[in-house]
Amino acid sequence: MTREIDRSPARLSSALSLTAGAVAWATSALTGALTLAAGGAGFLVLLVGVVVGSRRGVTLGSAALLAGALAGGLTSGAPYLLLPGVMAGVLAWDLGEQAINVGEQLGRAADTTQLEVTHAAASSVVAVGGGGLGYAIYLFASGGQPMAALVFLLVAAVALTSALRN
């Protein structure tokens, strides 16, 4: 009697993705009603994506969270809200993709805790390092540039990360 392997997304990475998504939503919620709505919609799409294992859902939800954080940063002019929101939006996408990958390749029943924690820690270090570097560049090289300069720097970093991943 053979038992079918459950290829659903891994639970730990799914939970971590949703936690990062909640952080991104919370930072955008602090900046206005429109960004609250964009972040909320993004979080719901991310939730559906990680529950059903939809890469498109994870990507679209994370993109909406990221857009909400970027829009909130532009409207509020507060880098202390913009940076965590952007980093959390990117982490939500990365960890959601990891949950789907682990589920597809190893199955939900496999003990993948160490793998998932290691991936989450490494991704968090990269996100915080990239955000810190971007903020340092903004502070020291901005010469009084508006917050939009930091937003566009972060958009370029996300685009570069996405291009390198593919």
N, C-alpha and C. Protein backbone atom coordinates (compact mmCIF):
# COMPACT_ATOMS: atom_id res chain seq x y z
N MET A 1 0.84 -1.17 0.00
CA MET A 1 0.00 0.00 0.00
C MET A 1 0.89 1.25 0.00
N THR A 2 0.78 2.04 -1.04
CA THR A 2 1.58 3.25 -1.13
C THR A 2 0.80 4.44 -0.63
N ARG A 3 1.53 5.34 -0.06
CA ARG A 3 0.91 6.55 0.49
C ARG A 3 1.33 7.73 -0.36
N GLU A 4 0.38 8.51 -0.77
CA GLU A 4 0.67 9.68 -1.60
C GLU A 4 1.31 10.78 -0.76
N ILE A 5 2.31 11.45 -1.33
CA ILE A 5 3.01 12.53 -0.63
C ILE A 5 2.22 13.82 -0.77
N ASP A 6 2.03 14.50 0.34
CA ASP A 6 1.34 15.79 0.35
C ASP A 6 2.33 16.86 -0.11
N ARG A 7 2.09 17.46 -1.25
CA ARG A 7 2.99 18.46 -1.86
C ARG A 7 2.56 19.89 -1.54
N SER A 8 1.80 20.07 -0.48
CA SER A 8 1.38 21.41 -0.06
C SER A 8 2.59 22.20 0.42
N PRO A 9 2.50 23.53 0.42
CA PRO A 9 3.62 24.35 0.90
C PRO A 9 4.00 24.01 2.34
N ALA A 10 5.29 24.14 2.62
CA ALA A 10 5.81 23.86 3.96
C ALA A 10 5.20 24.83 4.97
N ARG A 11 4.85 24.32 6.12
CA ARG A 11 4.13 25.12 7.13
C ARG A 11 4.99 26.24 7.71
N LEU A 12 6.24 25.94 8.08
CA LEU A 12 7.07 26.94 8.74
C LEU A 12 7.36 28.12 7.81
N SER A 13 7.78 27.85 6.59
CA SER A 13 8.06 28.94 5.65
C SER A 13 6.79 29.70 5.30
N SER A 14 5.66 29.01 5.24
CA SER A 14 4.39 29.70 5.00
C SER A 14 4.09 30.67 6.14
N ALA A 15 4.27 30.21 7.37
CA ALA A 15 4.01 31.06 8.53
C ALA A 15 4.97 32.25 8.55
N LEU A 16 6.23 32.01 8.23
CA LEU A 16 7.20 33.10 8.20
C LEU A 16 6.89 34.09 7.09
N SER A 17 6.43 33.60 5.95
CA SER A 17 6.03 34.48 4.85
C SER A 17 4.87 35.37 5.27
N LEU A 18 3.88 34.78 5.92
CA LEU A 18 2.72 35.56 6.38
C LEU A 18 3.10 36.55 7.47
N THR A 19 4.06 36.18 8.31
CA THR A 19 4.54 37.11 9.34
C THR A 19 5.21 38.31 8.69
N ALA A 20 6.06 38.05 7.71
CA ALA A 20 6.71 39.16 6.99
C ALA A 20 5.67 40.00 6.27
N GLY A 21 4.67 39.35 5.68
CA GLY A 21 3.59 40.07 5.02
C GLY A 21 2.83 40.96 5.99
N ALA A 22 2.61 40.47 7.19
CA ALA A 22 1.91 41.27 8.21
C ALA A 22 2.74 42.49 8.61
N VAL A 23 4.05 42.32 8.70
CA VAL A 23 4.93 43.46 9.02
C VAL A 23 4.87 44.50 7.89
N ALA A 24 4.92 44.04 6.65
CA ALA A 24 4.83 44.96 5.51
C ALA A 24 3.49 45.69 5.53
N TRP A 25 2.43 44.97 5.80
CA TRP A 25 1.09 45.58 5.86
C TRP A 25 1.01 46.58 7.00
N ALA A 26 1.56 46.23 8.15
CA ALA A 26 1.50 47.12 9.31
C ALA A 26 2.25 48.43 9.04
N THR A 27 3.40 48.35 8.39
CA THR A 27 4.14 49.59 8.13
C THR A 27 3.40 50.47 7.13
N SER A 28 2.76 49.86 6.14
CA SER A 28 2.00 50.67 5.18
C SER A 28 0.72 51.20 5.81
N ALA A 29 0.15 50.46 6.76
CA ALA A 29 -1.09 50.89 7.42
C ALA A 29 -0.86 52.15 8.23
N LEU A 30 0.35 52.37 8.68
CA LEU A 30 0.65 53.54 9.50
C LEU A 30 0.74 54.82 8.68
N THR A 31 0.71 54.72 7.36
CA THR A 31 0.93 55.90 6.54
C THR A 31 -0.33 56.43 5.86
N GLY A 32 -1.42 55.68 5.86
CA GLY A 32 -2.64 56.22 5.25
C GLY A 32 -3.64 55.13 4.89
N ALA A 33 -4.84 55.56 4.56
CA ALA A 33 -5.92 54.63 4.25
C ALA A 33 -5.70 53.89 2.94
N LEU A 34 -5.19 54.58 1.93
CA LEU A 34 -4.95 53.94 0.63
C LEU A 34 -3.88 52.86 0.75
N THR A 35 -2.81 53.16 1.46
CA THR A 35 -1.76 52.16 1.63
C THR A 35 -2.21 51.02 2.54
N LEU A 36 -3.09 51.33 3.48
CA LEU A 36 -3.69 50.28 4.32
C LEU A 36 -4.49 49.31 3.46
N ALA A 37 -5.27 49.85 2.52
CA ALA A 37 -6.08 49.01 1.64
C ALA A 37 -5.21 48.18 0.70
N ALA A 38 -4.18 48.80 0.13
CA ALA A 38 -3.28 48.07 -0.77
C ALA A 38 -2.56 46.95 -0.02
N GLY A 39 -2.08 47.27 1.18
CA GLY A 39 -1.41 46.26 1.98
C GLY A 39 -2.34 45.14 2.41
N GLY A 40 -3.58 45.48 2.76
CA GLY A 40 -4.56 44.47 3.15
C GLY A 40 -4.89 43.53 2.01
N ALA A 41 -5.08 44.10 0.82
CA ALA A 41 -5.36 43.27 -0.35
C ALA A 41 -4.16 42.38 -0.65
N GLY A 42 -2.97 42.95 -0.56
CA GLY A 42 -1.76 42.15 -0.79
C GLY A 42 -1.62 41.02 0.20
N PHE A 43 -1.92 41.30 1.47
CA PHE A 43 -1.81 40.26 2.48
C PHE A 43 -2.80 39.13 2.22
N LEU A 44 -4.02 39.46 1.84
CA LEU A 44 -5.02 38.43 1.56
C LEU A 44 -4.61 37.57 0.37
N VAL A 45 -4.08 38.19 -0.68
CA VAL A 45 -3.63 37.42 -1.85
C VAL A 45 -2.44 36.55 -1.48
N LEU A 46 -1.51 37.09 -0.67
CA LEU A 46 -0.37 36.30 -0.19
C LEU A 46 -0.86 35.11 0.63
N LEU A 47 -1.82 35.33 1.50
CA LEU A 47 -2.38 34.26 2.33
C LEU A 47 -2.93 33.14 1.46
N VAL A 48 -3.73 33.49 0.48
CA VAL A 48 -4.28 32.48 -0.42
C VAL A 48 -3.15 31.77 -1.17
N GLY A 49 -2.15 32.54 -1.61
CA GLY A 49 -1.03 31.96 -2.36
C GLY A 49 -0.26 30.91 -1.57
N VAL A 50 0.03 31.21 -0.30
CA VAL A 50 0.80 30.23 0.48
C VAL A 50 -0.06 29.07 0.96
N VAL A 51 -1.35 29.27 1.09
CA VAL A 51 -2.22 28.16 1.51
C VAL A 51 -2.41 27.16 0.38
N VAL A 52 -2.67 27.66 -0.83
CA VAL A 52 -2.93 26.75 -1.95
C VAL A 52 -1.68 26.43 -2.77
N GLY A 53 -0.58 27.09 -2.49
CA GLY A 53 0.66 26.82 -3.23
C GLY A 53 0.71 27.49 -4.58
N SER A 54 0.18 28.69 -4.68
CA SER A 54 0.16 29.43 -5.94
C SER A 54 1.30 30.43 -5.99
N ARG A 55 2.24 30.19 -6.90
CA ARG A 55 3.36 31.14 -7.06
C ARG A 55 2.84 32.51 -7.50
N ARG A 56 1.84 32.50 -8.37
CA ARG A 56 1.27 33.76 -8.84
C ARG A 56 0.66 34.53 -7.67
N GLY A 57 -0.05 33.83 -6.79
CA GLY A 57 -0.64 34.48 -5.63
C GLY A 57 0.41 35.07 -4.70
N VAL A 58 1.48 34.30 -4.47
CA VAL A 58 2.57 34.79 -3.62
C VAL A 58 3.21 36.02 -4.25
N THR A 59 3.46 35.97 -5.54
CA THR A 59 4.11 37.09 -6.22
C THR A 59 3.21 38.32 -6.25
N LEU A 60 1.94 38.15 -6.61
CA LEU A 60 1.03 39.29 -6.67
C LEU A 60 0.77 39.88 -5.29
N GLY A 61 0.60 39.03 -4.30
CA GLY A 61 0.38 39.52 -2.94
C GLY A 61 1.58 40.28 -2.42
N SER A 62 2.76 39.74 -2.63
CA SER A 62 3.98 40.41 -2.19
C SER A 62 4.20 41.71 -2.94
N ALA A 63 3.87 41.72 -4.23
CA ALA A 63 4.02 42.95 -5.02
C ALA A 63 3.08 44.04 -4.51
N ALA A 64 1.86 43.66 -4.13
CA ALA A 64 0.93 44.64 -3.57
C ALA A 64 1.41 45.16 -2.22
N LEU A 65 1.97 44.26 -1.41
CA LEU A 65 2.54 44.69 -0.13
C LEU A 65 3.70 45.64 -0.35
N LEU A 66 4.53 45.31 -1.30
CA LEU A 66 5.68 46.15 -1.63
C LEU A 66 5.22 47.52 -2.15
N ALA A 67 4.22 47.51 -3.03
CA ALA A 67 3.69 48.77 -3.57
C ALA A 67 3.09 49.62 -2.45
N GLY A 68 2.38 48.99 -1.52
CA GLY A 68 1.83 49.72 -0.39
C GLY A 68 2.91 50.34 0.47
N ALA A 69 3.99 49.60 0.72
CA ALA A 69 5.09 50.14 1.52
C ALA A 69 5.79 51.28 0.79
N LEU A 70 6.00 51.12 -0.52
CA LEU A 70 6.65 52.18 -1.29
C LEU A 70 5.77 53.43 -1.36
N ALA A 71 4.48 53.24 -1.60
CA ALA A 71 3.56 54.38 -1.65
C ALA A 71 3.49 55.08 -0.29
N GLY A 72 3.48 54.29 0.77
CA GLY A 72 3.47 54.87 2.10
C GLY A 72 4.73 55.66 2.38
N GLY A 73 5.86 55.15 1.91
CA GLY A 73 7.12 55.87 2.08
C GLY A 73 7.14 57.18 1.31
N LEU A 74 6.56 57.17 0.13
CA LEU A 74 6.51 58.40 -0.67
C LEU A 74 5.59 59.44 -0.04
N THR A 75 4.44 58.99 0.49
CA THR A 75 3.49 59.94 1.05
C THR A 75 3.88 60.43 2.43
N SER A 76 4.52 59.59 3.22
CA SER A 76 4.85 60.00 4.59
C SER A 76 6.24 60.61 4.69
N GLY A 77 7.14 60.22 3.80
CA GLY A 77 8.51 60.71 3.88
C GLY A 77 9.27 60.14 5.07
N ALA A 78 8.84 58.98 5.56
CA ALA A 78 9.45 58.38 6.75
C ALA A 78 10.22 57.12 6.38
N PRO A 79 11.56 57.21 6.29
CA PRO A 79 12.34 56.02 5.94
C PRO A 79 12.26 54.92 7.00
N TYR A 80 11.96 55.28 8.25
CA TYR A 80 11.84 54.28 9.29
C TYR A 80 10.60 53.41 9.12
N LEU A 81 9.66 53.84 8.28
CA LEU A 81 8.52 53.00 7.90
C LEU A 81 8.74 52.34 6.54
N LEU A 82 9.36 53.07 5.65
CA LEU A 82 9.58 52.58 4.29
C LEU A 82 10.50 51.36 4.27
N LEU A 83 11.64 51.46 4.91
CA LEU A 83 12.62 50.37 4.84
C LEU A 83 12.12 49.05 5.42
N PRO A 84 11.56 49.02 6.62
CA PRO A 84 11.06 47.74 7.12
C PRO A 84 9.93 47.18 6.26
N GLY A 85 9.08 48.05 5.74
CA GLY A 85 7.98 47.59 4.89
C GLY A 85 8.47 46.95 3.61
N VAL A 86 9.46 47.58 2.98
CA VAL A 86 10.02 47.03 1.74
C VAL A 86 10.75 45.73 2.03
N MET A 87 11.57 45.72 3.07
CA MET A 87 12.30 44.49 3.41
C MET A 87 11.33 43.35 3.73
N ALA A 88 10.28 43.65 4.47
CA ALA A 88 9.30 42.62 4.83
C ALA A 88 8.53 42.15 3.60
N GLY A 89 8.22 43.05 2.67
CA GLY A 89 7.53 42.65 1.44
C GLY A 89 8.36 41.71 0.59
N VAL A 90 9.65 41.99 0.49
CA VAL A 90 10.55 41.11 -0.26
C VAL A 90 10.70 39.77 0.46
N LEU A 91 10.82 39.81 1.78
CA LEU A 91 10.92 38.56 2.55
C LEU A 91 9.65 37.73 2.43
N ALA A 92 8.50 38.37 2.42
CA ALA A 92 7.25 37.63 2.27
C ALA A 92 7.25 36.85 0.96
N TRP A 93 7.71 37.49 -0.10
CA TRP A 93 7.78 36.81 -1.40
C TRP A 93 8.80 35.67 -1.37
N ASP A 94 9.99 35.93 -0.86
CA ASP A 94 11.03 34.92 -0.85
C ASP A 94 10.63 33.71 0.00
N LEU A 95 10.09 33.96 1.18
CA LEU A 95 9.71 32.86 2.07
C LEU A 95 8.48 32.11 1.55
N GLY A 96 7.59 32.81 0.89
CA GLY A 96 6.44 32.13 0.26
C GLY A 96 6.89 31.20 -0.86
N GLU A 97 7.82 31.69 -1.68
CA GLU A 97 8.38 30.84 -2.74
C GLU A 97 9.10 29.64 -2.14
N GLN A 98 9.83 29.86 -1.05
CA GLN A 98 10.53 28.76 -0.38
C GLN A 98 9.55 27.73 0.14
N ALA A 99 8.44 28.18 0.70
CA ALA A 99 7.42 27.25 1.20
C ALA A 99 6.90 26.36 0.08
N ILE A 100 6.63 26.96 -1.07
CA ILE A 100 6.13 26.20 -2.21
C ILE A 100 7.19 25.24 -2.72
N ASN A 101 8.44 25.70 -2.84
CA ASN A 101 9.52 24.85 -3.32
C ASN A 101 9.75 23.64 -2.42
N VAL A 102 9.80 23.88 -1.12
CA VAL A 102 10.03 22.78 -0.18
C VAL A 102 8.88 21.78 -0.24
N GLY A 103 7.67 22.29 -0.29
CA GLY A 103 6.51 21.39 -0.38
C GLY A 103 6.52 20.55 -1.64
N GLU A 104 6.84 21.18 -2.77
CA GLU A 104 6.87 20.44 -4.04
C GLU A 104 7.98 19.40 -4.07
N GLN A 105 9.15 19.77 -3.57
CA GLN A 105 10.31 18.89 -3.70
C GLN A 105 10.40 17.82 -2.63
N LEU A 106 10.06 18.17 -1.38
CA LEU A 106 10.26 17.23 -0.29
C LEU A 106 8.96 16.74 0.35
N GLY A 107 7.88 17.45 0.12
CA GLY A 107 6.62 17.08 0.73
C GLY A 107 6.46 17.73 2.09
N ARG A 108 5.22 17.89 2.49
CA ARG A 108 4.92 18.57 3.74
C ARG A 108 5.31 17.74 4.97
N ALA A 109 5.31 16.43 4.85
CA ALA A 109 5.59 15.56 6.00
C ALA A 109 7.08 15.49 6.35
N ALA A 110 7.95 15.88 5.43
CA ALA A 110 9.40 15.81 5.69
C ALA A 110 9.79 16.82 6.76
N ASP A 111 10.80 16.45 7.56
CA ASP A 111 11.31 17.36 8.58
C ASP A 111 12.29 18.34 7.92
N THR A 112 11.79 19.52 7.64
CA THR A 112 12.59 20.53 6.92
C THR A 112 12.83 21.77 7.77
N THR A 113 12.67 21.65 9.07
CA THR A 113 12.78 22.81 9.95
C THR A 113 14.14 23.49 9.83
N GLN A 114 15.22 22.73 9.88
CA GLN A 114 16.55 23.33 9.81
C GLN A 114 16.76 24.02 8.47
N LEU A 115 16.34 23.40 7.39
CA LEU A 115 16.45 23.99 6.06
C LEU A 115 15.69 25.31 5.99
N GLU A 116 14.46 25.30 6.48
CA GLU A 116 13.63 26.50 6.39
C GLU A 116 14.15 27.62 7.30
N VAL A 117 14.60 27.29 8.49
CA VAL A 117 15.13 28.31 9.40
C VAL A 117 16.42 28.91 8.83
N THR A 118 17.27 28.07 8.27
CA THR A 118 18.52 28.56 7.67
C THR A 118 18.23 29.50 6.51
N HIS A 119 17.29 29.11 5.65
CA HIS A 119 16.93 29.96 4.52
C HIS A 119 16.35 31.29 5.00
N ALA A 120 15.46 31.23 5.98
CA ALA A 120 14.83 32.45 6.50
C ALA A 120 15.87 33.37 7.13
N ALA A 121 16.80 32.79 7.88
CA ALA A 121 17.85 33.61 8.52
C ALA A 121 18.74 34.26 7.47
N ALA A 122 19.16 33.49 6.47
CA ALA A 122 20.01 34.05 5.42
C ALA A 122 19.29 35.14 4.64
N SER A 123 18.04 34.91 4.31
CA SER A 123 17.25 35.92 3.59
C SER A 123 17.07 37.18 4.42
N SER A 124 16.86 37.01 5.72
CA SER A 124 16.70 38.17 6.60
C SER A 124 17.98 38.98 6.70
N VAL A 125 19.11 38.30 6.78
CA VAL A 125 20.40 38.99 6.83
C VAL A 125 20.62 39.79 5.54
N VAL A 126 20.30 39.18 4.40
CA VAL A 126 20.46 39.88 3.12
C VAL A 126 19.51 41.07 3.04
N ALA A 127 18.27 40.90 3.48
CA ALA A 127 17.29 42.00 3.44
C ALA A 127 17.72 43.16 4.34
N VAL A 128 18.12 42.84 5.55
CA VAL A 128 18.54 43.89 6.48
C VAL A 128 19.82 44.56 6.00
N GLY A 129 20.75 43.75 5.49
CA GLY A 129 22.00 44.32 4.96
C GLY A 129 21.74 45.22 3.76
N GLY A 130 20.90 44.77 2.85
CA GLY A 130 20.57 45.58 1.67
C GLY A 130 19.82 46.84 2.05
N GLY A 131 18.87 46.73 2.96
CA GLY A 131 18.14 47.91 3.42
C GLY A 131 19.05 48.89 4.14
N GLY A 132 19.93 48.36 4.98
CA GLY A 132 20.88 49.22 5.69
C GLY A 132 21.84 49.92 4.74
N LEU A 133 22.32 49.19 3.75
CA LEU A 133 23.22 49.79 2.76
C LEU A 133 22.49 50.86 1.96
N GLY A 134 21.28 50.57 1.54
CA GLY A 134 20.49 51.56 0.80
C GLY A 134 20.25 52.81 1.63
N TYR A 135 19.95 52.63 2.90
CA TYR A 135 19.71 53.79 3.77
C TYR A 135 20.99 54.58 3.98
N ALA A 136 22.11 53.87 4.15
CA ALA A 136 23.39 54.56 4.32
C ALA A 136 23.73 55.38 3.07
N ILE A 137 23.50 54.80 1.91
CA ILE A 137 23.75 55.54 0.67
C ILE A 137 22.84 56.76 0.60
N TYR A 138 21.60 56.59 0.97
CA TYR A 138 20.64 57.70 0.96
C TYR A 138 21.10 58.81 1.90
N LEU A 139 21.55 58.44 3.11
CA LEU A 139 21.97 59.45 4.08
C LEU A 139 23.22 60.20 3.66
N PHE A 140 24.20 59.46 3.17
CA PHE A 140 25.49 60.08 2.90
C PHE A 140 25.63 60.66 1.50
N ALA A 141 24.85 60.18 0.58
CA ALA A 141 25.01 60.65 -0.79
C ALA A 141 23.79 61.40 -1.33
N SER A 142 22.79 61.59 -0.50
CA SER A 142 21.56 62.18 -1.03
C SER A 142 21.70 63.67 -1.28
N GLY A 143 22.47 64.36 -0.48
CA GLY A 143 22.62 65.79 -0.68
C GLY A 143 21.30 66.53 -0.60
N GLY A 144 20.42 66.11 0.29
CA GLY A 144 19.13 66.77 0.44
C GLY A 144 18.08 66.32 -0.56
N GLN A 145 18.29 65.17 -1.19
CA GLN A 145 17.32 64.66 -2.15
C GLN A 145 16.05 64.25 -1.41
N PRO A 146 14.93 64.27 -2.10
CA PRO A 146 13.67 63.88 -1.45
C PRO A 146 13.60 62.38 -1.19
N MET A 147 12.57 61.98 -0.47
CA MET A 147 12.37 60.57 -0.14
C MET A 147 12.23 59.72 -1.39
N ALA A 148 11.79 60.31 -2.49
CA ALA A 148 11.63 59.56 -3.74
C ALA A 148 12.96 58.93 -4.18
N ALA A 149 14.07 59.59 -3.86
CA ALA A 149 15.37 59.03 -4.22
C ALA A 149 15.59 57.68 -3.54
N LEU A 150 15.22 57.59 -2.26
CA LEU A 150 15.36 56.32 -1.53
C LEU A 150 14.40 55.28 -2.09
N VAL A 151 13.19 55.69 -2.42
CA VAL A 151 12.21 54.76 -2.99
C VAL A 151 12.74 54.17 -4.29
N PHE A 152 13.24 55.02 -5.17
CA PHE A 152 13.74 54.52 -6.45
C PHE A 152 14.99 53.66 -6.27
N LEU A 153 15.81 53.96 -5.28
CA LEU A 153 16.96 53.12 -4.97
C LEU A 153 16.48 51.74 -4.53
N LEU A 154 15.45 51.69 -3.70
CA LEU A 154 14.91 50.40 -3.25
C LEU A 154 14.26 49.63 -4.39
N VAL A 155 13.55 50.34 -5.28
CA VAL A 155 12.95 49.67 -6.44
C VAL A 155 14.05 49.05 -7.30
N ALA A 156 15.13 49.77 -7.49
CA ALA A 156 16.24 49.23 -8.29
C ALA A 156 16.85 48.01 -7.61
N ALA A 157 16.98 48.03 -6.30
CA ALA A 157 17.53 46.88 -5.57
C ALA A 157 16.62 45.67 -5.69
N VAL A 158 15.31 45.87 -5.61
CA VAL A 158 14.36 44.76 -5.75
C VAL A 158 14.41 44.21 -7.17
N ALA A 159 14.48 45.08 -8.16
CA ALA A 159 14.57 44.62 -9.56
C ALA A 159 15.84 43.83 -9.79
N LEU A 160 16.95 44.29 -9.24
CA LEU A 160 18.21 43.58 -9.38
C LEU A 160 18.14 42.21 -8.70
N THR A 161 17.57 42.17 -7.51
CA THR A 161 17.43 40.89 -6.81
C THR A 161 16.58 39.93 -7.59
N SER A 162 15.49 40.41 -8.15
CA SER A 162 14.61 39.56 -8.95
C SER A 162 15.32 39.05 -10.20
N ALA A 163 16.07 39.90 -10.85
CA ALA A 163 16.80 39.50 -12.06
C ALA A 163 17.87 38.46 -11.74
N LEU A 164 18.55 38.64 -10.61
CA LEU A 164 19.59 37.68 -10.23
C LEU A 164 19.00 36.34 -9.84
N ARG A 165 17.81 36.35 -9.27
CA ARG A 165 17.17 35.10 -8.85
C ARG A 165 16.76 34.26 -10.06
N ASN A 166 16.35 34.93 -11.14
CA ASN A 166 15.95 34.21 -12.34
C ASN A 166 17.18 33.86 -13.12
